[in-house]
Amino acid sequence: MLCSRERGIHFERQEPEQEPLDWPASAAVTSARLQALAAAPRIARMPAERAHASAPSRLHEQRLRALKQANEIRSARAQLKRDLASGRIELAQILARPPEFAQTAKVLDLLLLLPKTGPVKAGRMLAQCRIAHSKTLAGLSDRQRAALSALLRR
């Protein structure tokens, strides 16, 4: 194959024409431009009719519904944690059939609530079952769930 030069095609790079810079004059223009930029307001003002715009009522209702649902999940999860800490519920039961509100709870946090289980023991249990520290109840595989249940029943 012939390159473009061998084929008789020659590309020339055209530079835009620039005026020679007069150092003192160009420095004055630059400093004047910088002063103008510094003096310009950085935050645009909103027109008066849009200054007090609010979210549509449907979005507000959705937000309130989501907040209510989140509060219900938090209170149910807090009750579950109290029951686990007191021994009224076993973690093996929750692992077998996790309730909807406990799906996003971290397994490590639930293990730490058990009596006589601290961070070291909980970490060893997770390592023995090959479960990451950040794993949630919903993210456990069947094998991990079975291994942790068997370990808790001992």
N, C-alpha and C. Protein backbone atom coordinates (compact mmCIF):
# COMPACT_ATOMS: atom_id res chain seq x y z
N MET A 1 0.83 -1.18 0.00
CA MET A 1 0.00 0.00 0.00
C MET A 1 0.88 1.24 0.00
N LEU A 2 0.42 2.21 -0.72
CA LEU A 2 1.14 3.47 -0.78
C LEU A 2 0.58 4.41 0.27
N CYS A 3 1.46 5.12 0.91
CA CYS A 3 0.98 6.10 1.88
C CYS A 3 0.51 7.33 1.13
N SER A 4 -0.12 8.22 1.82
CA SER A 4 -0.71 9.40 1.16
C SER A 4 0.35 10.26 0.49
N ARG A 5 1.53 10.33 1.03
CA ARG A 5 2.59 11.14 0.44
C ARG A 5 3.05 10.51 -0.87
N GLU A 6 3.14 9.17 -0.91
CA GLU A 6 3.58 8.48 -2.13
C GLU A 6 2.53 8.56 -3.22
N ARG A 7 1.26 8.67 -2.83
CA ARG A 7 0.20 8.78 -3.82
C ARG A 7 0.06 10.20 -4.35
N GLY A 8 0.84 11.09 -3.82
CA GLY A 8 0.80 12.46 -4.31
C GLY A 8 -0.19 13.34 -3.54
N ILE A 9 -0.74 12.81 -2.46
CA ILE A 9 -1.67 13.60 -1.66
C ILE A 9 -0.87 14.19 -0.52
N HIS A 10 -1.03 15.46 -0.35
CA HIS A 10 -0.29 16.13 0.70
C HIS A 10 -1.27 16.96 1.53
N PHE A 11 -1.27 16.71 2.82
CA PHE A 11 -2.14 17.46 3.72
C PHE A 11 -1.32 18.53 4.41
N GLU A 12 -1.85 19.71 4.40
CA GLU A 12 -1.19 20.79 5.10
C GLU A 12 -2.05 21.20 6.27
N ARG A 13 -1.41 21.43 7.35
CA ARG A 13 -2.12 21.86 8.54
C ARG A 13 -2.21 23.38 8.51
N GLN A 14 -3.43 23.86 8.59
CA GLN A 14 -3.61 25.30 8.55
C GLN A 14 -3.83 25.81 9.96
N GLU A 15 -2.99 26.70 10.35
CA GLU A 15 -3.10 27.32 11.66
C GLU A 15 -3.97 28.55 11.54
N PRO A 16 -4.83 28.80 12.51
CA PRO A 16 -5.61 30.04 12.44
C PRO A 16 -4.68 31.24 12.57
N GLU A 17 -5.04 32.26 11.83
CA GLU A 17 -4.19 33.45 11.86
C GLU A 17 -4.35 34.14 13.20
N GLN A 18 -3.24 34.42 13.82
CA GLN A 18 -3.27 35.11 15.10
C GLN A 18 -2.46 36.38 14.99
N GLU A 19 -2.97 37.38 15.65
CA GLU A 19 -2.23 38.63 15.67
C GLU A 19 -1.12 38.48 16.69
N PRO A 20 0.02 39.09 16.42
CA PRO A 20 1.08 39.02 17.42
C PRO A 20 0.64 39.71 18.70
N LEU A 21 0.96 39.09 19.81
CA LEU A 21 0.54 39.62 21.10
C LEU A 21 1.47 40.74 21.54
N ASP A 22 0.87 41.81 21.92
CA ASP A 22 1.61 42.90 22.51
C ASP A 22 1.50 42.69 24.00
N TRP A 23 2.57 42.30 24.66
CA TRP A 23 2.52 41.83 26.04
C TRP A 23 1.84 42.81 26.99
N PRO A 24 2.23 44.04 27.09
CA PRO A 24 1.56 44.92 28.05
C PRO A 24 0.08 45.11 27.72
N ALA A 25 -0.28 45.23 26.45
CA ALA A 25 -1.69 45.44 26.09
C ALA A 25 -2.51 44.18 26.37
N SER A 26 -1.97 42.99 26.02
CA SER A 26 -2.72 41.76 26.24
C SER A 26 -2.88 41.48 27.73
N ALA A 27 -1.88 41.84 28.53
CA ALA A 27 -1.99 41.65 29.97
C ALA A 27 -3.07 42.55 30.53
N ALA A 28 -3.19 43.77 30.00
CA ALA A 28 -4.22 44.69 30.47
C ALA A 28 -5.60 44.17 30.12
N VAL A 29 -5.75 43.63 28.91
CA VAL A 29 -7.04 43.06 28.49
C VAL A 29 -7.40 41.88 29.38
N THR A 30 -6.43 41.03 29.65
CA THR A 30 -6.68 39.85 30.47
C THR A 30 -7.07 40.25 31.88
N SER A 31 -6.38 41.20 32.47
CA SER A 31 -6.71 41.59 33.84
C SER A 31 -8.07 42.28 33.87
N ALA A 32 -8.40 43.07 32.84
CA ALA A 32 -9.71 43.71 32.79
C ALA A 32 -10.82 42.66 32.67
N ARG A 33 -10.55 41.64 31.88
CA ARG A 33 -11.54 40.56 31.70
C ARG A 33 -11.72 39.78 33.00
N LEU A 34 -10.63 39.51 33.70
CA LEU A 34 -10.72 38.81 34.98
C LEU A 34 -11.49 39.62 36.00
N GLN A 35 -11.28 40.93 36.03
CA GLN A 35 -12.02 41.79 36.95
C GLN A 35 -13.50 41.79 36.61
N ALA A 36 -13.83 41.78 35.33
CA ALA A 36 -15.24 41.76 34.93
C ALA A 36 -15.89 40.43 35.33
N LEU A 37 -15.17 39.35 35.17
CA LEU A 37 -15.71 38.04 35.56
C LEU A 37 -15.89 37.96 37.07
N ALA A 38 -14.97 38.53 37.83
CA ALA A 38 -15.08 38.49 39.28
C ALA A 38 -16.24 39.33 39.77
N ALA A 39 -16.54 40.42 39.08
CA ALA A 39 -17.61 41.31 39.50
C ALA A 39 -18.99 40.77 39.09
N ALA A 40 -19.04 39.88 38.11
CA ALA A 40 -20.32 39.36 37.63
C ALA A 40 -20.94 38.45 38.69
N PRO A 41 -22.26 38.51 38.86
CA PRO A 41 -22.90 37.63 39.85
C PRO A 41 -22.80 36.17 39.41
N ARG A 42 -22.51 35.31 40.35
CA ARG A 42 -22.34 33.88 40.02
C ARG A 42 -23.64 33.11 40.14
N ILE A 43 -24.59 33.61 40.88
CA ILE A 43 -25.86 32.91 41.05
C ILE A 43 -26.92 33.70 40.29
N ALA A 44 -27.61 33.00 39.43
CA ALA A 44 -28.65 33.66 38.65
C ALA A 44 -29.88 33.87 39.52
N ARG A 45 -30.54 34.98 39.32
CA ARG A 45 -31.76 35.25 40.08
C ARG A 45 -32.95 34.65 39.34
N MET A 46 -33.86 34.08 40.12
CA MET A 46 -35.06 33.49 39.53
C MET A 46 -36.13 34.57 39.41
N PRO A 47 -36.96 34.48 38.40
CA PRO A 47 -38.07 35.42 38.30
C PRO A 47 -38.98 35.26 39.52
N ALA A 48 -39.69 36.31 39.89
CA ALA A 48 -40.50 36.32 41.11
C ALA A 48 -41.58 35.24 41.09
N GLU A 49 -42.18 34.99 39.93
CA GLU A 49 -43.26 34.00 39.88
C GLU A 49 -42.75 32.57 40.07
N ARG A 50 -41.47 32.30 39.85
CA ARG A 50 -40.93 30.95 40.00
C ARG A 50 -40.14 30.80 41.30
N ALA A 51 -39.98 31.86 42.05
CA ALA A 51 -39.15 31.82 43.24
C ALA A 51 -39.74 30.91 44.31
N HIS A 52 -41.04 30.82 44.39
CA HIS A 52 -41.68 30.02 45.42
C HIS A 52 -42.37 28.80 44.82
N ALA A 53 -41.77 28.21 43.82
CA ALA A 53 -42.36 27.03 43.18
C ALA A 53 -42.32 25.87 44.16
N SER A 54 -43.36 25.05 44.14
CA SER A 54 -43.41 23.89 45.01
C SER A 54 -43.61 22.64 44.18
N ALA A 55 -43.33 21.52 44.79
CA ALA A 55 -43.49 20.25 44.09
C ALA A 55 -44.98 19.99 43.89
N PRO A 56 -45.32 19.31 42.83
CA PRO A 56 -46.73 18.97 42.62
C PRO A 56 -47.25 18.14 43.80
N SER A 57 -48.54 18.20 44.03
CA SER A 57 -49.12 17.53 45.19
C SER A 57 -48.92 16.01 45.13
N ARG A 58 -48.92 15.44 43.93
CA ARG A 58 -48.72 13.99 43.82
C ARG A 58 -47.35 13.59 44.34
N LEU A 59 -46.33 14.36 44.01
CA LEU A 59 -44.99 14.05 44.51
C LEU A 59 -44.94 14.18 46.02
N HIS A 60 -45.64 15.16 46.56
CA HIS A 60 -45.68 15.35 48.01
C HIS A 60 -46.36 14.15 48.67
N GLU A 61 -47.46 13.69 48.07
CA GLU A 61 -48.16 12.52 48.62
C GLU A 61 -47.30 11.27 48.54
N GLN A 62 -46.58 11.10 47.44
CA GLN A 62 -45.68 9.95 47.30
C GLN A 62 -44.58 10.00 48.35
N ARG A 63 -44.07 11.18 48.59
CA ARG A 63 -43.01 11.33 49.58
C ARG A 63 -43.53 10.99 50.98
N LEU A 64 -44.70 11.47 51.31
CA LEU A 64 -45.29 11.16 52.62
C LEU A 64 -45.56 9.66 52.77
N ARG A 65 -46.04 9.04 51.71
CA ARG A 65 -46.29 7.60 51.75
C ARG A 65 -45.00 6.83 51.94
N ALA A 66 -43.94 7.24 51.25
CA ALA A 66 -42.63 6.58 51.38
C ALA A 66 -42.07 6.76 52.78
N LEU A 67 -42.22 7.96 53.36
CA LEU A 67 -41.75 8.20 54.72
C LEU A 67 -42.51 7.34 55.73
N LYS A 68 -43.81 7.21 55.54
CA LYS A 68 -44.62 6.39 56.44
C LYS A 68 -44.18 4.93 56.36
N GLN A 69 -43.98 4.45 55.14
CA GLN A 69 -43.54 3.06 54.95
C GLN A 69 -42.16 2.84 55.57
N ALA A 70 -41.25 3.78 55.41
CA ALA A 70 -39.91 3.64 55.98
C ALA A 70 -39.97 3.63 57.50
N ASN A 71 -40.83 4.45 58.08
CA ASN A 71 -40.97 4.46 59.53
C ASN A 71 -41.54 3.14 60.05
N GLU A 72 -42.49 2.57 59.31
CA GLU A 72 -43.05 1.27 59.71
C GLU A 72 -41.98 0.19 59.67
N ILE A 73 -41.16 0.20 58.64
CA ILE A 73 -40.09 -0.80 58.51
C ILE A 73 -39.08 -0.62 59.63
N ARG A 74 -38.73 0.63 59.94
CA ARG A 74 -37.77 0.87 61.03
C ARG A 74 -38.29 0.39 62.37
N SER A 75 -39.55 0.67 62.65
CA SER A 75 -40.10 0.25 63.95
C SER A 75 -40.23 -1.27 64.02
N ALA A 76 -40.63 -1.93 62.93
CA ALA A 76 -40.72 -3.39 62.93
C ALA A 76 -39.33 -4.02 63.08
N ARG A 77 -38.34 -3.44 62.42
CA ARG A 77 -36.98 -3.96 62.54
C ARG A 77 -36.42 -3.74 63.95
N ALA A 78 -36.77 -2.62 64.57
CA ALA A 78 -36.33 -2.38 65.95
C ALA A 78 -36.95 -3.39 66.90
N GLN A 79 -38.23 -3.72 66.69
CA GLN A 79 -38.88 -4.74 67.53
C GLN A 79 -38.22 -6.10 67.32
N LEU A 80 -37.89 -6.43 66.08
CA LEU A 80 -37.21 -7.69 65.79
C LEU A 80 -35.87 -7.74 66.51
N LYS A 81 -35.13 -6.65 66.49
CA LYS A 81 -33.83 -6.61 67.16
C LYS A 81 -33.99 -6.77 68.66
N ARG A 82 -35.01 -6.15 69.24
CA ARG A 82 -35.26 -6.31 70.68
C ARG A 82 -35.60 -7.76 71.02
N ASP A 83 -36.41 -8.40 70.17
CA ASP A 83 -36.78 -9.80 70.39
C ASP A 83 -35.57 -10.72 70.26
N LEU A 84 -34.70 -10.45 69.30
CA LEU A 84 -33.48 -11.25 69.14
C LEU A 84 -32.57 -11.10 70.36
N ALA A 85 -32.42 -9.88 70.82
CA ALA A 85 -31.52 -9.62 71.94
C ALA A 85 -32.05 -10.26 73.23
N SER A 86 -33.37 -10.29 73.38
CA SER A 86 -33.93 -10.87 74.60
C SER A 86 -34.04 -12.40 74.52
N GLY A 87 -33.94 -12.96 73.34
CA GLY A 87 -34.02 -14.41 73.18
C GLY A 87 -35.42 -14.92 72.89
N ARG A 88 -36.39 -14.04 72.67
CA ARG A 88 -37.76 -14.47 72.35
C ARG A 88 -37.86 -15.08 70.97
N ILE A 89 -37.00 -14.69 70.06
CA ILE A 89 -36.98 -15.22 68.69
C ILE A 89 -35.57 -15.72 68.41
N GLU A 90 -35.48 -16.82 67.69
CA GLU A 90 -34.18 -17.35 67.29
C GLU A 90 -33.86 -16.85 65.88
N LEU A 91 -32.59 -16.60 65.66
CA LEU A 91 -32.16 -16.11 64.34
C LEU A 91 -32.36 -17.17 63.27
N ALA A 92 -32.30 -18.44 63.66
CA ALA A 92 -32.50 -19.52 62.69
C ALA A 92 -33.91 -19.45 62.09
N GLN A 93 -34.90 -19.07 62.92
CA GLN A 93 -36.27 -18.93 62.40
C GLN A 93 -36.35 -17.80 61.38
N ILE A 94 -35.67 -16.71 61.67
CA ILE A 94 -35.70 -15.57 60.75
C ILE A 94 -34.95 -15.90 59.46
N LEU A 95 -33.87 -16.67 59.59
CA LEU A 95 -33.12 -17.06 58.39
C LEU A 95 -33.96 -17.97 57.49
N ALA A 96 -34.78 -18.83 58.11
CA ALA A 96 -35.59 -19.75 57.33
C ALA A 96 -36.65 -19.00 56.52
N ARG A 97 -37.35 -18.07 57.16
CA ARG A 97 -38.37 -17.28 56.49
C ARG A 97 -38.24 -15.82 56.91
N PRO A 98 -37.38 -15.07 56.26
CA PRO A 98 -37.19 -13.67 56.66
C PRO A 98 -38.43 -12.83 56.33
N PRO A 99 -38.91 -12.04 57.30
CA PRO A 99 -40.04 -11.15 57.01
C PRO A 99 -39.63 -10.06 56.02
N GLU A 100 -40.62 -9.45 55.42
CA GLU A 100 -40.37 -8.43 54.39
C GLU A 100 -39.53 -7.27 54.93
N PHE A 101 -39.80 -6.84 56.16
CA PHE A 101 -39.09 -5.68 56.70
C PHE A 101 -37.65 -6.01 57.08
N ALA A 102 -37.31 -7.30 57.17
CA ALA A 102 -35.95 -7.68 57.54
C ALA A 102 -35.09 -8.04 56.32
N GLN A 103 -35.64 -7.95 55.14
CA GLN A 103 -34.90 -8.34 53.93
C GLN A 103 -33.63 -7.51 53.75
N THR A 104 -33.67 -6.25 54.11
CA THR A 104 -32.50 -5.38 53.87
C THR A 104 -31.60 -5.26 55.09
N ALA A 105 -31.89 -6.01 56.14
CA ALA A 105 -31.04 -5.97 57.34
C ALA A 105 -29.75 -6.74 57.07
N LYS A 106 -28.64 -6.24 57.56
CA LYS A 106 -27.35 -6.92 57.38
C LYS A 106 -27.26 -8.10 58.34
N VAL A 107 -26.72 -9.20 57.85
CA VAL A 107 -26.60 -10.42 58.65
C VAL A 107 -25.67 -10.17 59.83
N LEU A 108 -24.60 -9.43 59.62
CA LEU A 108 -23.66 -9.13 60.70
C LEU A 108 -24.35 -8.39 61.84
N ASP A 109 -25.21 -7.42 61.51
CA ASP A 109 -25.92 -6.68 62.56
C ASP A 109 -26.83 -7.59 63.37
N LEU A 110 -27.48 -8.53 62.70
CA LEU A 110 -28.36 -9.45 63.41
C LEU A 110 -27.57 -10.42 64.28
N LEU A 111 -26.41 -10.85 63.80
CA LEU A 111 -25.57 -11.73 64.62
C LEU A 111 -25.06 -11.02 65.87
N LEU A 112 -24.75 -9.75 65.72
CA LEU A 112 -24.24 -8.99 66.87
C LEU A 112 -25.30 -8.80 67.95
N LEU A 113 -26.57 -8.94 67.60
CA LEU A 113 -27.63 -8.79 68.59
C LEU A 113 -27.80 -10.03 69.46
N LEU A 114 -27.29 -11.15 69.01
CA LEU A 114 -27.44 -12.39 69.78
C LEU A 114 -26.64 -12.31 71.07
N PRO A 115 -27.18 -12.90 72.13
CA PRO A 115 -26.42 -12.94 73.39
C PRO A 115 -25.12 -13.72 73.22
N LYS A 116 -24.08 -13.27 73.87
CA LYS A 116 -22.75 -13.90 73.86
C LYS A 116 -22.11 -13.92 72.46
N THR A 117 -22.49 -12.98 71.63
CA THR A 117 -21.89 -12.89 70.29
C THR A 117 -21.38 -11.46 70.10
N GLY A 118 -20.06 -11.35 69.96
CA GLY A 118 -19.44 -10.05 69.72
C GLY A 118 -18.96 -9.94 68.29
N PRO A 119 -18.24 -8.87 67.99
CA PRO A 119 -17.77 -8.67 66.62
C PRO A 119 -16.82 -9.75 66.13
N VAL A 120 -15.96 -10.26 67.00
CA VAL A 120 -15.00 -11.28 66.58
C VAL A 120 -15.71 -12.59 66.28
N LYS A 121 -16.57 -13.00 67.21
CA LYS A 121 -17.29 -14.26 67.02
C LYS A 121 -18.22 -14.18 65.80
N ALA A 122 -18.90 -13.05 65.63
CA ALA A 122 -19.79 -12.88 64.47
C ALA A 122 -18.98 -12.92 63.17
N GLY A 123 -17.82 -12.28 63.16
CA GLY A 123 -16.96 -12.31 61.97
C GLY A 123 -16.48 -13.71 61.64
N ARG A 124 -16.14 -14.47 62.68
CA ARG A 124 -15.71 -15.86 62.45
C ARG A 124 -16.85 -16.71 61.91
N MET A 125 -18.05 -16.49 62.43
CA MET A 125 -19.20 -17.25 61.94
C MET A 125 -19.46 -16.94 60.47
N LEU A 126 -19.39 -15.67 60.12
CA LEU A 126 -19.60 -15.30 58.71
C LEU A 126 -18.50 -15.88 57.83
N ALA A 127 -17.27 -15.84 58.30
CA ALA A 127 -16.16 -16.39 57.50
C ALA A 127 -16.31 -17.89 57.33
N GLN A 128 -16.75 -18.57 58.38
CA GLN A 128 -16.92 -20.02 58.30
C GLN A 128 -18.01 -20.40 57.30
N CYS A 129 -19.03 -19.56 57.21
CA CYS A 129 -20.13 -19.82 56.27
C CYS A 129 -19.91 -19.17 54.91
N ARG A 130 -18.77 -18.52 54.74
CA ARG A 130 -18.41 -17.82 53.50
C ARG A 130 -19.44 -16.75 53.14
N ILE A 131 -19.71 -15.88 54.10
CA ILE A 131 -20.66 -14.79 53.91
C ILE A 131 -19.91 -13.48 54.10
N ALA A 132 -20.10 -12.56 53.19
CA ALA A 132 -19.47 -11.24 53.28
C ALA A 132 -20.08 -10.45 54.43
N HIS A 133 -19.30 -9.55 55.02
CA HIS A 133 -19.78 -8.74 56.14
C HIS A 133 -20.91 -7.80 55.73
N SER A 134 -20.97 -7.44 54.47
CA SER A 134 -21.98 -6.49 54.00
C SER A 134 -23.23 -7.17 53.46
N LYS A 135 -23.31 -8.49 53.55
CA LYS A 135 -24.44 -9.24 52.98
C LYS A 135 -25.72 -8.98 53.77
N THR A 136 -26.83 -8.82 53.04
CA THR A 136 -28.14 -8.65 53.68
C THR A 136 -28.86 -9.99 53.73
N LEU A 137 -29.94 -10.05 54.50
CA LEU A 137 -30.70 -11.30 54.60
C LEU A 137 -31.23 -11.74 53.25
N ALA A 138 -31.72 -10.80 52.46
CA ALA A 138 -32.26 -11.15 51.14
C ALA A 138 -31.17 -11.62 50.18
N GLY A 139 -29.94 -11.22 50.42
CA GLY A 139 -28.84 -11.57 49.51
C GLY A 139 -28.19 -12.91 49.81
N LEU A 140 -28.63 -13.60 50.85
CA LEU A 140 -28.03 -14.90 51.18
C LEU A 140 -28.48 -15.97 50.20
N SER A 141 -27.55 -16.82 49.82
CA SER A 141 -27.92 -17.96 48.98
C SER A 141 -28.47 -19.06 49.88
N ASP A 142 -29.07 -20.07 49.28
CA ASP A 142 -29.62 -21.19 50.06
C ASP A 142 -28.52 -21.90 50.84
N ARG A 143 -27.36 -22.07 50.23
CA ARG A 143 -26.24 -22.73 50.91
C ARG A 143 -25.80 -21.91 52.12
N GLN A 144 -25.65 -20.61 51.95
CA GLN A 144 -25.23 -19.75 53.05
C GLN A 144 -26.26 -19.74 54.17
N ARG A 145 -27.52 -19.69 53.79
CA ARG A 145 -28.60 -19.70 54.77
C ARG A 145 -28.60 -20.99 55.59
N ALA A 146 -28.43 -22.13 54.90
CA ALA A 146 -28.40 -23.43 55.58
C ALA A 146 -27.18 -23.56 56.48
N ALA A 147 -26.03 -23.11 56.01
CA ALA A 147 -24.81 -23.22 56.80
C ALA A 147 -24.89 -22.36 58.06
N LEU A 148 -25.43 -21.16 57.95
CA LEU A 148 -25.55 -20.29 59.10
C LEU A 148 -26.60 -20.82 60.09
N SER A 149 -27.70 -21.36 59.58
CA SER A 149 -28.71 -21.96 60.46
C SER A 149 -28.14 -23.14 61.23
N ALA A 150 -27.38 -23.99 60.53
CA ALA A 150 -26.76 -25.15 61.20
C ALA A 150 -25.75 -24.69 62.25
N LEU A 151 -25.02 -23.65 61.97
CA LEU A 151 -24.03 -23.14 62.91
C LEU A 151 -24.71 -22.53 64.15
N LEU A 152 -25.84 -21.90 63.95
CA LEU A 152 -26.55 -21.29 65.08
C LEU A 152 -27.24 -22.34 65.96
N ARG A 153 -27.60 -23.47 65.39
CA ARG A 153 -28.30 -24.52 66.17
C ARG A 153 -27.34 -25.28 67.06
N ARG A 154 -26.04 -25.21 66.82
CA ARG A 154 -25.07 -25.93 67.64
C ARG A 154 -25.02 -25.42 69.04
